[in-house]
């Protein structure tokens, strides 16, 4: 009888765990290849398939003002160095918004701590404010898209029965971009430039995860 009750309790515990929802918020730094490093914040929500495997949908936000050194090199190569005008043309303001589907596989160390592996794929939208080529004092706006993927490793420590704190190190890969044209009035020709933003890099974050 006792054995039957124990088996039933284990079954119920597994069933409840499989139905648990989970959500987390995480803060940290992101260092993409296109820009200097900066602050990134993220949120995810998902569900457990069993006690050591879960999935979620995540949303992140990264913002940066910077000077696009790659564009400066292209402009200097084509037009020659013209004082600081190309630096002004290369001033860029971006908002990076990845949305991803992720899976997490946990490896318990003891009842209160664990390490885990995570991976995800999704899409990325990049909002770009940049300077007009002919009139660098004037801002222009563009939206770029790309697919993305991410892999990482983390460690978590339980704070309570349904909450934990965690730290996570991930590599993110994406390269959104678009092509734009510049009218050259002196030669009556059109010059095409490709603006791509290599948003691949390392993320280091800490966060809190909740179960419900």
N, C-alpha and C. Protein backbone atom coordinates (compact mmCIF):
# COMPACT_ATOMS: atom_id res chain seq x y z
N UNK A 1 0.82 -1.21 0.00
CA UNK A 1 0.00 0.00 0.00
C UNK A 1 0.86 1.26 0.00
N UNK A 2 1.87 1.27 0.90
CA UNK A 2 2.75 2.43 0.97
C UNK A 2 3.49 2.63 -0.35
N UNK A 3 3.89 1.50 -0.95
CA UNK A 3 4.60 1.58 -2.22
C UNK A 3 3.70 2.16 -3.31
N UNK A 4 2.43 1.76 -3.30
CA UNK A 4 1.48 2.27 -4.29
C UNK A 4 1.28 3.78 -4.13
N UNK A 5 1.17 4.23 -2.87
CA UNK A 5 1.01 5.67 -2.60
C UNK A 5 2.23 6.43 -3.06
N UNK A 6 3.41 5.88 -2.83
CA UNK A 6 4.66 6.54 -3.23
C UNK A 6 4.73 6.67 -4.75
N UNK A 7 4.36 5.60 -5.45
CA UNK A 7 4.35 5.63 -6.91
C UNK A 7 3.36 6.67 -7.42
N UNK A 8 2.17 6.72 -6.77
CA UNK A 8 1.15 7.69 -7.17
C UNK A 8 1.64 9.11 -6.94
N UNK A 9 2.31 9.38 -5.82
CA UNK A 9 2.82 10.72 -5.53
C UNK A 9 3.88 11.13 -6.55
N UNK A 10 4.75 10.19 -6.92
CA UNK A 10 5.78 10.49 -7.91
C UNK A 10 5.15 10.84 -9.25
N UNK A 11 4.09 10.06 -9.59
CA UNK A 11 3.39 10.33 -10.85
C UNK A 11 2.73 11.70 -10.85
N UNK A 12 2.08 12.05 -9.75
CA UNK A 12 1.43 13.35 -9.65
C UNK A 12 2.44 14.48 -9.67
N UNK A 13 3.57 14.29 -9.00
CA UNK A 13 4.60 15.32 -9.00
C UNK A 13 5.13 15.56 -10.40
N UNK A 14 5.36 14.48 -11.14
CA UNK A 14 5.84 14.60 -12.51
C UNK A 14 4.81 15.30 -13.38
N UNK A 15 3.53 14.95 -13.18
CA UNK A 15 2.46 15.55 -13.97
C UNK A 15 2.35 17.05 -13.69
N UNK A 16 2.42 17.41 -12.42
CA UNK A 16 2.33 18.83 -12.06
C UNK A 16 3.50 19.60 -12.63
N UNK A 17 4.71 19.02 -12.51
CA UNK A 17 5.89 19.68 -13.04
C UNK A 17 5.75 19.92 -14.53
N UNK A 18 5.18 18.92 -15.23
CA UNK A 18 5.02 19.05 -16.67
C UNK A 18 4.06 20.17 -17.04
N UNK A 19 3.16 20.51 -16.13
CA UNK A 19 2.19 21.54 -16.40
C UNK A 19 2.62 22.90 -15.86
N UNK A 20 3.74 22.96 -15.17
CA UNK A 20 4.18 24.24 -14.62
C UNK A 20 4.54 25.21 -15.74
N UNK A 21 4.10 26.44 -15.56
CA UNK A 21 4.57 27.51 -16.42
C UNK A 21 5.80 28.15 -15.80
N UNK A 22 6.54 28.86 -16.61
CA UNK A 22 7.75 29.52 -16.13
C UNK A 22 7.94 30.84 -16.85
N UNK A 23 8.48 31.81 -16.16
CA UNK A 23 8.82 33.09 -16.78
C UNK A 23 10.04 33.65 -16.07
N UNK A 24 10.78 34.49 -16.78
CA UNK A 24 11.99 35.06 -16.18
C UNK A 24 12.26 36.44 -16.77
N UNK A 25 13.00 37.21 -16.02
CA UNK A 25 13.52 38.49 -16.48
C UNK A 25 15.01 38.48 -16.25
N UNK A 26 15.78 38.97 -17.22
CA UNK A 26 17.23 38.93 -17.10
C UNK A 26 17.86 40.21 -17.63
N UNK A 27 18.92 40.64 -16.96
CA UNK A 27 19.63 41.88 -17.28
C UNK A 27 21.11 41.56 -17.45
N UNK A 28 21.77 42.33 -18.31
CA UNK A 28 23.20 42.09 -18.47
C UNK A 28 23.82 42.94 -19.54
N UNK A 29 24.91 42.43 -20.11
CA UNK A 29 25.64 43.16 -21.15
C UNK A 29 25.70 42.31 -22.41
N UNK A 30 25.69 43.00 -23.55
CA UNK A 30 25.76 42.36 -24.86
C UNK A 30 26.84 43.08 -25.67
N UNK A 31 27.71 42.31 -26.30
CA UNK A 31 28.82 42.88 -27.07
C UNK A 31 28.77 42.40 -28.52
N UNK A 32 27.87 42.97 -29.34
CA UNK A 32 27.82 42.56 -30.75
C UNK A 32 29.00 43.11 -31.53
N UNK A 33 29.31 42.46 -32.65
CA UNK A 33 30.46 42.87 -33.46
C UNK A 33 30.27 44.26 -34.06
N UNK A 34 29.03 44.66 -34.35
CA UNK A 34 28.78 45.93 -35.03
C UNK A 34 28.97 47.15 -34.15
N UNK A 35 28.83 46.99 -32.85
CA UNK A 35 28.86 48.14 -31.95
C UNK A 35 29.72 47.83 -30.73
N UNK A 36 29.88 48.86 -29.91
CA UNK A 36 30.47 48.62 -28.59
C UNK A 36 29.45 47.89 -27.72
N UNK A 37 29.92 47.30 -26.64
CA UNK A 37 29.02 46.59 -25.74
C UNK A 37 28.08 47.54 -25.02
N UNK A 38 26.97 46.99 -24.55
CA UNK A 38 25.99 47.80 -23.85
C UNK A 38 25.00 46.96 -23.08
N UNK A 39 24.04 47.63 -22.47
CA UNK A 39 23.03 47.00 -21.62
C UNK A 39 21.98 46.29 -22.45
N UNK A 40 21.56 45.11 -22.00
CA UNK A 40 20.47 44.37 -22.64
C UNK A 40 19.54 43.83 -21.57
N UNK A 41 18.25 43.87 -21.86
CA UNK A 41 17.24 43.34 -20.95
C UNK A 41 16.38 42.35 -21.72
N UNK A 42 15.94 41.29 -21.04
CA UNK A 42 15.13 40.29 -21.71
C UNK A 42 14.04 39.72 -20.82
N UNK A 43 13.03 39.15 -21.45
CA UNK A 43 11.92 38.50 -20.75
C UNK A 43 11.55 37.25 -21.53
N UNK A 44 11.19 36.19 -20.81
CA UNK A 44 10.69 35.00 -21.50
C UNK A 44 9.57 34.37 -20.69
N UNK A 45 8.77 33.57 -21.38
CA UNK A 45 7.67 32.84 -20.75
C UNK A 45 7.51 31.52 -21.48
N UNK A 46 7.29 30.43 -20.71
CA UNK A 46 7.18 29.13 -21.34
C UNK A 46 6.58 28.10 -20.42
N UNK A 47 6.94 26.84 -20.64
CA UNK A 47 6.33 25.74 -19.90
C UNK A 47 7.31 24.57 -19.82
N UNK A 48 7.17 23.77 -18.76
CA UNK A 48 7.99 22.58 -18.59
C UNK A 48 7.35 21.39 -19.30
N UNK A 49 8.18 20.62 -20.02
CA UNK A 49 7.75 19.33 -20.54
C UNK A 49 7.93 18.26 -19.47
N UNK A 50 9.02 18.36 -18.72
CA UNK A 50 9.24 17.55 -17.52
C UNK A 50 10.15 18.35 -16.61
N UNK A 51 10.60 17.76 -15.50
CA UNK A 51 11.31 18.55 -14.50
C UNK A 51 12.67 19.07 -14.96
N UNK A 52 13.23 18.49 -16.04
CA UNK A 52 14.54 18.92 -16.51
C UNK A 52 14.55 19.45 -17.93
N UNK A 53 13.38 19.59 -18.52
CA UNK A 53 13.31 20.09 -19.90
C UNK A 53 12.16 21.09 -20.01
N UNK A 54 12.46 22.27 -20.56
CA UNK A 54 11.43 23.29 -20.72
C UNK A 54 11.66 24.04 -22.03
N UNK A 55 10.64 24.75 -22.46
CA UNK A 55 10.74 25.61 -23.63
C UNK A 55 10.15 26.97 -23.29
N UNK A 56 10.54 27.99 -24.04
CA UNK A 56 9.98 29.32 -23.81
C UNK A 56 10.10 30.16 -25.07
N UNK A 57 9.38 31.25 -25.07
CA UNK A 57 9.50 32.29 -26.09
C UNK A 57 10.09 33.52 -25.41
N UNK A 58 11.15 34.07 -25.99
CA UNK A 58 11.86 35.17 -25.35
C UNK A 58 11.83 36.43 -26.21
N UNK A 59 11.94 37.57 -25.53
CA UNK A 59 12.01 38.88 -26.18
C UNK A 59 13.12 39.67 -25.50
N UNK A 60 14.01 40.26 -26.29
CA UNK A 60 15.11 41.06 -25.75
C UNK A 60 15.11 42.45 -26.37
N UNK A 61 15.73 43.38 -25.66
CA UNK A 61 15.88 44.75 -26.16
C UNK A 61 17.30 45.24 -25.88
N UNK A 62 17.96 45.70 -26.96
CA UNK A 62 19.31 46.25 -26.86
C UNK A 62 19.33 47.57 -27.62
N UNK A 63 19.86 48.62 -26.99
CA UNK A 63 19.90 49.96 -27.61
C UNK A 63 21.32 50.49 -27.57
N UNK A 64 21.73 51.14 -28.69
CA UNK A 64 23.08 51.69 -28.72
C UNK A 64 23.18 52.85 -29.70
N UNK A 65 23.84 53.93 -29.26
CA UNK A 65 24.28 55.02 -30.13
C UNK A 65 25.75 54.81 -30.41
N UNK A 66 26.14 54.84 -31.68
CA UNK A 66 27.56 54.61 -32.00
C UNK A 66 27.88 55.16 -33.38
N UNK A 67 29.16 55.16 -33.73
CA UNK A 67 29.64 55.55 -35.06
C UNK A 67 30.03 54.28 -35.82
N UNK A 68 29.42 54.08 -36.98
CA UNK A 68 29.63 52.86 -37.77
C UNK A 68 31.00 52.93 -38.47
N UNK A 69 31.99 52.29 -37.88
CA UNK A 69 33.36 52.34 -38.41
C UNK A 69 33.47 51.63 -39.76
N UNK A 70 32.66 50.58 -39.96
CA UNK A 70 32.66 49.88 -41.24
C UNK A 70 32.20 50.81 -42.35
N UNK A 71 31.16 51.61 -42.11
CA UNK A 71 30.67 52.54 -43.11
C UNK A 71 31.70 53.63 -43.37
N UNK A 72 32.38 54.12 -42.33
CA UNK A 72 33.42 55.13 -42.53
C UNK A 72 34.49 54.62 -43.48
N UNK A 73 34.91 53.37 -43.29
CA UNK A 73 35.95 52.79 -44.15
C UNK A 73 35.47 52.72 -45.60
N UNK A 74 34.21 52.35 -45.83
CA UNK A 74 33.67 52.27 -47.18
C UNK A 74 33.60 53.66 -47.82
N UNK A 75 33.14 54.65 -47.06
CA UNK A 75 33.04 56.01 -47.59
C UNK A 75 34.40 56.60 -47.87
N UNK A 76 35.36 56.38 -46.97
CA UNK A 76 36.72 56.89 -47.19
C UNK A 76 37.36 56.24 -48.40
N UNK A 77 37.06 54.96 -48.60
CA UNK A 77 37.64 54.23 -49.73
C UNK A 77 37.08 54.73 -51.06
N UNK A 78 35.80 55.10 -51.06
CA UNK A 78 35.16 55.51 -52.31
C UNK A 78 35.30 57.01 -52.58
N UNK A 79 35.10 57.83 -51.54
CA UNK A 79 35.10 59.27 -51.72
C UNK A 79 36.39 59.94 -51.25
N UNK A 80 37.21 59.18 -50.53
CA UNK A 80 38.40 59.79 -49.95
C UNK A 80 38.09 60.38 -48.60
N UNK A 81 39.13 60.65 -47.83
CA UNK A 81 38.96 61.22 -46.50
C UNK A 81 38.64 62.70 -46.62
N UNK A 82 37.48 63.08 -46.06
CA UNK A 82 37.03 64.47 -46.17
C UNK A 82 36.75 65.03 -44.77
N UNK A 83 37.80 65.18 -43.99
CA UNK A 83 37.64 65.71 -42.64
C UNK A 83 36.80 64.78 -41.79
N UNK A 84 35.82 65.34 -41.09
CA UNK A 84 34.97 64.55 -40.19
C UNK A 84 33.59 64.30 -40.78
N UNK A 85 33.38 64.65 -42.05
CA UNK A 85 32.03 64.52 -42.62
C UNK A 85 31.57 63.06 -42.67
N UNK A 86 32.51 62.15 -42.96
CA UNK A 86 32.10 60.74 -43.02
C UNK A 86 31.79 60.17 -41.64
N UNK A 87 32.46 60.68 -40.61
CA UNK A 87 32.12 60.28 -39.25
C UNK A 87 30.71 60.74 -38.89
N UNK A 88 30.37 61.94 -39.33
CA UNK A 88 29.01 62.43 -39.07
C UNK A 88 27.98 61.59 -39.82
N UNK A 89 28.31 61.22 -41.07
CA UNK A 89 27.41 60.38 -41.85
C UNK A 89 27.21 59.01 -41.21
N UNK A 90 28.21 58.55 -40.46
CA UNK A 90 28.18 57.20 -39.89
C UNK A 90 27.56 57.13 -38.50
N UNK A 91 27.10 58.25 -37.97
CA UNK A 91 26.44 58.22 -36.67
C UNK A 91 25.15 57.41 -36.76
N UNK A 92 24.98 56.45 -35.85
CA UNK A 92 23.88 55.50 -35.93
C UNK A 92 23.27 55.25 -34.56
N UNK A 93 21.97 55.09 -34.55
CA UNK A 93 21.23 54.79 -33.33
C UNK A 93 20.37 53.56 -33.61
N UNK A 94 20.60 52.47 -32.87
CA UNK A 94 19.86 51.23 -33.15
C UNK A 94 19.10 50.75 -31.93
N UNK A 95 17.98 50.07 -32.21
CA UNK A 95 17.22 49.31 -31.23
C UNK A 95 17.11 47.90 -31.78
N UNK A 96 17.71 46.95 -31.10
CA UNK A 96 17.73 45.56 -31.56
C UNK A 96 16.69 44.76 -30.78
N UNK A 97 15.81 44.05 -31.50
CA UNK A 97 14.67 43.36 -30.88
C UNK A 97 14.60 41.91 -31.35
N UNK A 98 15.35 40.99 -30.74
CA UNK A 98 15.25 39.58 -31.09
C UNK A 98 14.04 38.92 -30.41
N UNK A 99 13.34 38.08 -31.17
CA UNK A 99 12.26 37.24 -30.64
C UNK A 99 12.63 35.80 -30.98
N UNK A 100 12.65 34.90 -29.96
CA UNK A 100 13.19 33.57 -30.18
C UNK A 100 12.37 32.49 -29.47
N UNK A 101 12.44 31.29 -30.05
CA UNK A 101 11.92 30.09 -29.39
C UNK A 101 13.12 29.33 -28.84
N UNK A 102 13.10 29.03 -27.53
CA UNK A 102 14.25 28.44 -26.86
C UNK A 102 13.88 27.15 -26.13
N UNK A 103 14.86 26.28 -25.97
CA UNK A 103 14.71 25.11 -25.12
C UNK A 103 15.82 25.14 -24.07
N UNK A 104 15.52 24.58 -22.90
CA UNK A 104 16.47 24.52 -21.79
C UNK A 104 16.51 23.09 -21.26
N UNK A 105 17.71 22.56 -21.14
CA UNK A 105 17.92 21.23 -20.56
C UNK A 105 18.73 21.40 -19.27
N UNK A 106 18.16 20.93 -18.16
CA UNK A 106 18.78 21.12 -16.85
C UNK A 106 19.53 19.88 -16.38
N UNK A 107 20.60 20.12 -15.63
CA UNK A 107 21.39 19.04 -15.03
C UNK A 107 21.56 19.35 -13.54
N UNK A 108 20.71 18.77 -12.68
CA UNK A 108 20.76 19.08 -11.24
C UNK A 108 22.11 18.70 -10.62
N UNK A 109 22.61 19.59 -9.76
CA UNK A 109 23.83 19.32 -8.99
C UNK A 109 23.46 18.83 -7.60
N UNK A 110 22.47 19.51 -6.99
CA UNK A 110 21.91 19.13 -5.71
C UNK A 110 20.48 19.64 -5.68
N UNK A 111 19.72 19.42 -4.62
CA UNK A 111 18.30 19.84 -4.62
C UNK A 111 18.07 21.33 -4.85
N UNK A 112 19.07 22.21 -4.63
CA UNK A 112 18.85 23.64 -4.76
C UNK A 112 19.62 24.30 -5.91
N UNK A 113 20.50 23.57 -6.56
CA UNK A 113 21.29 24.19 -7.62
C UNK A 113 21.38 23.28 -8.83
N UNK A 114 21.64 23.89 -9.98
CA UNK A 114 21.70 23.14 -11.22
C UNK A 114 22.46 23.94 -12.27
N UNK A 115 22.99 23.25 -13.27
CA UNK A 115 23.50 23.90 -14.45
C UNK A 115 22.58 23.54 -15.60
N UNK A 116 22.63 24.30 -16.68
CA UNK A 116 21.73 24.02 -17.79
C UNK A 116 22.35 24.47 -19.11
N UNK A 117 21.88 23.86 -20.19
CA UNK A 117 22.22 24.24 -21.55
C UNK A 117 20.98 24.83 -22.20
N UNK A 118 21.17 25.83 -23.04
CA UNK A 118 20.04 26.45 -23.72
C UNK A 118 20.39 26.74 -25.16
N UNK A 119 19.38 26.70 -26.02
CA UNK A 119 19.56 27.02 -27.43
C UNK A 119 18.25 27.53 -28.01
N UNK A 120 18.34 28.38 -29.02
CA UNK A 120 17.12 28.92 -29.59
C UNK A 120 17.31 29.42 -31.01
N UNK A 121 16.20 29.58 -31.71
CA UNK A 121 16.17 30.15 -33.06
C UNK A 121 15.00 31.12 -33.12
N UNK A 122 15.09 32.06 -34.06
CA UNK A 122 14.00 33.02 -34.17
C UNK A 122 14.26 34.06 -35.24
N UNK A 123 13.67 35.23 -35.03
CA UNK A 123 13.81 36.34 -35.95
C UNK A 123 14.23 37.59 -35.20
N UNK A 124 14.79 38.53 -35.96
CA UNK A 124 15.31 39.74 -35.33
C UNK A 124 14.90 40.97 -36.14
N UNK A 125 14.43 41.99 -35.42
CA UNK A 125 14.09 43.26 -36.04
C UNK A 125 15.01 44.34 -35.49
N UNK A 126 15.64 45.08 -36.40
CA UNK A 126 16.57 46.13 -36.02
C UNK A 126 16.02 47.46 -36.49
N UNK A 127 15.77 48.37 -35.55
CA UNK A 127 15.30 49.72 -35.86
C UNK A 127 16.51 50.63 -35.91
N UNK A 128 16.72 51.31 -37.06
CA UNK A 128 17.94 52.09 -37.24
C UNK A 128 17.60 53.53 -37.56
N UNK A 129 18.15 54.45 -36.80
CA UNK A 129 18.18 55.87 -37.14
C UNK A 129 19.59 56.20 -37.60
N UNK A 130 19.72 56.72 -38.81
CA UNK A 130 21.03 57.02 -39.36
C UNK A 130 20.98 58.38 -40.06
N UNK A 131 22.15 58.88 -40.48
CA UNK A 131 22.25 60.19 -41.08
C UNK A 131 22.10 60.14 -42.60
N UNK A 132 21.37 61.12 -43.14
CA UNK A 132 21.23 61.27 -44.58
C UNK A 132 22.60 61.56 -45.20
N UNK A 133 22.89 60.89 -46.32
CA UNK A 133 24.22 61.03 -46.93
C UNK A 133 24.46 62.46 -47.42
N UNK A 134 23.49 63.03 -48.13
CA UNK A 134 23.67 64.37 -48.69
C UNK A 134 23.61 65.45 -47.62
N UNK A 135 22.79 65.21 -46.60
CA UNK A 135 22.62 66.18 -45.52
C UNK A 135 22.78 65.47 -44.19
N UNK A 136 24.01 65.32 -43.70
CA UNK A 136 24.26 64.53 -42.49
C UNK A 136 23.59 65.06 -41.23
N UNK A 137 23.09 66.28 -41.26
CA UNK A 137 22.37 66.80 -40.10
C UNK A 137 20.96 66.25 -40.02
N UNK A 138 20.51 65.60 -41.08
CA UNK A 138 19.14 65.08 -41.14
C UNK A 138 19.12 63.59 -40.85
N UNK A 139 18.23 63.16 -39.96
CA UNK A 139 18.09 61.74 -39.61
C UNK A 139 17.16 61.04 -40.59
N UNK A 140 17.45 59.76 -40.81
CA UNK A 140 16.56 58.89 -41.57
C UNK A 140 16.32 57.62 -40.75
N UNK A 141 15.28 56.87 -41.15
CA UNK A 141 14.87 55.70 -40.38
C UNK A 141 14.72 54.51 -41.31
N UNK A 142 15.16 53.35 -40.83
CA UNK A 142 15.04 52.11 -41.60
C UNK A 142 14.82 50.95 -40.64
N UNK A 143 14.17 49.89 -41.14
CA UNK A 143 13.97 48.67 -40.37
C UNK A 143 14.63 47.52 -41.12
N UNK A 144 15.45 46.73 -40.43
CA UNK A 144 16.13 45.59 -41.05
C UNK A 144 15.74 44.31 -40.30
N UNK A 145 15.74 43.19 -41.02
CA UNK A 145 15.34 41.91 -40.44
C UNK A 145 16.38 40.83 -40.76
N UNK A 146 16.39 39.81 -39.92
CA UNK A 146 17.22 38.64 -40.18
C UNK A 146 16.78 37.50 -39.28
N UNK A 147 17.15 36.28 -39.66
CA UNK A 147 16.99 35.14 -38.76
C UNK A 147 18.11 35.17 -37.73
N UNK A 148 17.91 34.48 -36.61
CA UNK A 148 18.95 34.44 -35.59
C UNK A 148 18.97 33.08 -34.91
N UNK A 149 20.07 32.82 -34.21
CA UNK A 149 20.15 31.63 -33.35
C UNK A 149 21.04 31.96 -32.16
N UNK A 150 20.92 31.12 -31.13
CA UNK A 150 21.62 31.40 -29.87
C UNK A 150 21.88 30.09 -29.13
N UNK A 151 23.06 29.97 -28.54
CA UNK A 151 23.39 28.83 -27.69
C UNK A 151 24.06 29.37 -26.43
N UNK A 152 23.89 28.64 -25.32
CA UNK A 152 24.49 29.12 -24.09
C UNK A 152 24.48 28.09 -22.98
N UNK A 153 25.06 28.52 -21.87
CA UNK A 153 25.14 27.70 -20.67
C UNK A 153 24.82 28.59 -19.48
N UNK A 154 24.24 28.00 -18.43
CA UNK A 154 23.88 28.79 -17.26
C UNK A 154 23.93 27.96 -15.99
N UNK A 155 23.79 28.66 -14.88
CA UNK A 155 23.72 28.02 -13.57
C UNK A 155 22.62 28.70 -12.77
N UNK A 156 21.85 27.91 -12.02
CA UNK A 156 20.72 28.45 -11.26
C UNK A 156 20.76 27.95 -9.83
N UNK A 157 20.23 28.79 -8.92
CA UNK A 157 20.15 28.44 -7.50
C UNK A 157 18.77 28.79 -6.99
N UNK A 158 18.10 27.85 -6.36
CA UNK A 158 16.73 28.05 -5.89
C UNK A 158 16.69 29.04 -4.74
N UNK A 159 15.77 30.01 -4.85
CA UNK A 159 15.50 30.95 -3.76
C UNK A 159 14.36 30.45 -2.89
N UNK A 160 13.38 29.85 -3.51
CA UNK A 160 12.22 29.30 -2.81
C UNK A 160 11.72 28.09 -3.57
N UNK A 161 10.51 27.66 -3.26
CA UNK A 161 9.98 26.49 -3.94
C UNK A 161 9.62 26.77 -5.39
N UNK A 162 9.36 28.04 -5.73
CA UNK A 162 8.97 28.37 -7.10
C UNK A 162 9.71 29.61 -7.63
N UNK A 163 10.93 29.80 -7.22
CA UNK A 163 11.73 30.91 -7.72
C UNK A 163 13.21 30.56 -7.64
N UNK A 164 13.99 31.16 -8.53
CA UNK A 164 15.42 30.93 -8.53
C UNK A 164 16.14 32.13 -9.14
N UNK A 165 17.40 32.27 -8.80
CA UNK A 165 18.27 33.26 -9.42
C UNK A 165 19.23 32.50 -10.32
N UNK A 166 19.60 33.09 -11.45
CA UNK A 166 20.48 32.39 -12.38
C UNK A 166 21.43 33.36 -13.06
N UNK A 167 22.52 32.81 -13.55
CA UNK A 167 23.46 33.55 -14.38
C UNK A 167 23.65 32.77 -15.67
N UNK A 168 23.84 33.49 -16.77
CA UNK A 168 23.80 32.85 -18.08
C UNK A 168 24.81 33.50 -19.02
N UNK A 169 25.51 32.68 -19.79
CA UNK A 169 26.46 33.15 -20.80
C UNK A 169 26.05 32.54 -22.13
N UNK A 170 25.76 33.38 -23.14
CA UNK A 170 25.27 32.88 -24.42
C UNK A 170 26.01 33.55 -25.58
N UNK A 171 26.01 32.85 -26.71
CA UNK A 171 26.49 33.43 -27.97
C UNK A 171 25.28 33.61 -28.88
N UNK A 172 25.14 34.83 -29.41
CA UNK A 172 24.00 35.19 -30.26
C UNK A 172 24.51 35.46 -31.67
N UNK A 173 23.75 35.00 -32.70
CA UNK A 173 24.18 35.17 -34.09
C UNK A 173 23.05 35.75 -34.93
N UNK A 174 23.31 36.90 -35.56
CA UNK A 174 22.40 37.48 -36.54
C UNK A 174 23.13 38.59 -37.30
N UNK A 175 22.60 38.93 -38.49
CA UNK A 175 23.26 39.96 -39.30
C UNK A 175 22.22 40.69 -40.16
N UNK A 176 21.32 41.45 -39.54
CA UNK A 176 20.31 42.18 -40.32
C UNK A 176 20.95 43.30 -41.14
N UNK A 177 20.31 43.65 -42.25
CA UNK A 177 20.84 44.73 -43.09
C UNK A 177 19.89 45.09 -44.20
N UNK A 178 20.26 46.09 -44.96
CA UNK A 178 19.48 46.51 -46.13
C UNK A 178 20.39 47.31 -47.05
N UNK A 179 19.92 47.56 -48.26
CA UNK A 179 20.68 48.30 -49.26
C UNK A 179 20.03 49.65 -49.50
N UNK A 180 20.83 50.69 -49.64
CA UNK A 180 20.27 52.00 -49.95
C UNK A 180 21.10 52.65 -51.05
N UNK A 181 20.52 53.66 -51.71
CA UNK A 181 21.17 54.30 -52.84
C UNK A 181 21.46 55.76 -52.55
N UNK A 182 22.53 56.25 -53.18
CA UNK A 182 22.94 57.64 -53.06
C UNK A 182 23.02 58.23 -54.47
N UNK A 183 22.29 59.30 -54.71
CA UNK A 183 22.32 59.97 -56.01
C UNK A 183 23.53 60.90 -56.06
N UNK A 184 24.38 60.70 -57.07
CA UNK A 184 25.56 61.54 -57.25
C UNK A 184 25.26 62.54 -58.36
N UNK A 185 25.02 63.79 -57.95
CA UNK A 185 24.53 64.80 -58.88
C UNK A 185 25.60 65.24 -59.86
N UNK A 186 26.87 65.13 -59.48
CA UNK A 186 27.93 65.59 -60.37
C UNK A 186 28.13 64.64 -61.55
N UNK A 187 27.85 63.34 -61.35
CA UNK A 187 28.01 62.36 -62.43
C UNK A 187 26.68 61.80 -62.91
N UNK A 188 25.59 62.25 -62.32
CA UNK A 188 24.24 61.78 -62.67
C UNK A 188 24.15 60.25 -62.61
N UNK A 189 24.76 59.69 -61.60
CA UNK A 189 24.73 58.25 -61.41
C UNK A 189 24.23 57.92 -60.01
N UNK A 190 23.97 56.65 -59.79
CA UNK A 190 23.48 56.19 -58.50
C UNK A 190 24.48 55.22 -57.91
N UNK A 191 24.87 55.47 -56.66
CA UNK A 191 25.81 54.61 -55.95
C UNK A 191 25.04 53.84 -54.89
N UNK A 192 25.24 52.49 -54.85
CA UNK A 192 24.54 51.65 -53.90
C UNK A 192 25.47 51.26 -52.76
N UNK A 193 24.97 51.39 -51.53
CA UNK A 193 25.70 50.96 -50.35
C UNK A 193 24.85 49.93 -49.60
N UNK A 194 25.51 48.95 -49.04
CA UNK A 194 24.81 47.97 -48.21
C UNK A 194 25.15 48.23 -46.76
N UNK A 195 24.13 48.46 -45.98
CA UNK A 195 24.32 48.64 -44.54
C UNK A 195 23.91 47.34 -43.86
N UNK A 196 24.88 46.64 -43.32
CA UNK A 196 24.60 45.43 -42.56
C UNK A 196 25.14 45.60 -41.16
N UNK A 197 24.49 44.97 -40.22
CA UNK A 197 24.83 45.13 -38.81
C UNK A 197 25.05 43.74 -38.22
N UNK A 198 26.31 43.42 -37.99
CA UNK A 198 26.65 42.12 -37.43
C UNK A 198 26.34 42.15 -35.93
N UNK A 199 25.17 41.63 -35.58
CA UNK A 199 24.73 41.64 -34.19
C UNK A 199 25.12 40.34 -33.47
N UNK A 200 26.16 39.69 -33.97
CA UNK A 200 26.66 38.47 -33.34
C UNK A 200 27.61 38.83 -32.21
N UNK A 201 27.47 38.14 -31.09
CA UNK A 201 28.35 38.42 -29.96
C UNK A 201 27.93 37.67 -28.71
N UNK A 202 28.64 37.99 -27.65
CA UNK A 202 28.44 37.32 -26.37
C UNK A 202 27.51 38.13 -25.47
N UNK A 203 26.58 37.44 -24.81
CA UNK A 203 25.72 38.02 -23.77
C UNK A 203 26.07 37.40 -22.43
N UNK A 204 26.20 38.23 -21.43
CA UNK A 204 26.39 37.76 -20.05
C UNK A 204 25.30 38.40 -19.20
N UNK A 205 24.46 37.57 -18.60
CA UNK A 205 23.30 38.12 -17.88
C UNK A 205 23.02 37.37 -16.59
N UNK A 206 22.33 38.06 -15.70
CA UNK A 206 21.79 37.46 -14.49
C UNK A 206 20.29 37.74 -14.49
N UNK A 207 19.54 36.87 -13.79
CA UNK A 207 18.10 37.06 -13.79
C UNK A 207 17.40 36.27 -12.71
N UNK A 208 16.09 36.42 -12.71
CA UNK A 208 15.22 35.71 -11.76
C UNK A 208 14.19 34.94 -12.58
N UNK A 209 13.97 33.68 -12.17
CA UNK A 209 12.99 32.83 -12.85
C UNK A 209 11.92 32.40 -11.84
N UNK A 210 10.68 32.40 -12.32
CA UNK A 210 9.54 32.07 -11.46
C UNK A 210 8.75 30.92 -12.08
N UNK A 211 8.21 30.07 -11.22
CA UNK A 211 7.41 28.93 -11.65
C UNK A 211 5.99 29.11 -11.10
N UNK A 212 5.00 28.71 -11.88
CA UNK A 212 3.61 28.86 -11.45
C UNK A 212 2.73 27.79 -12.06
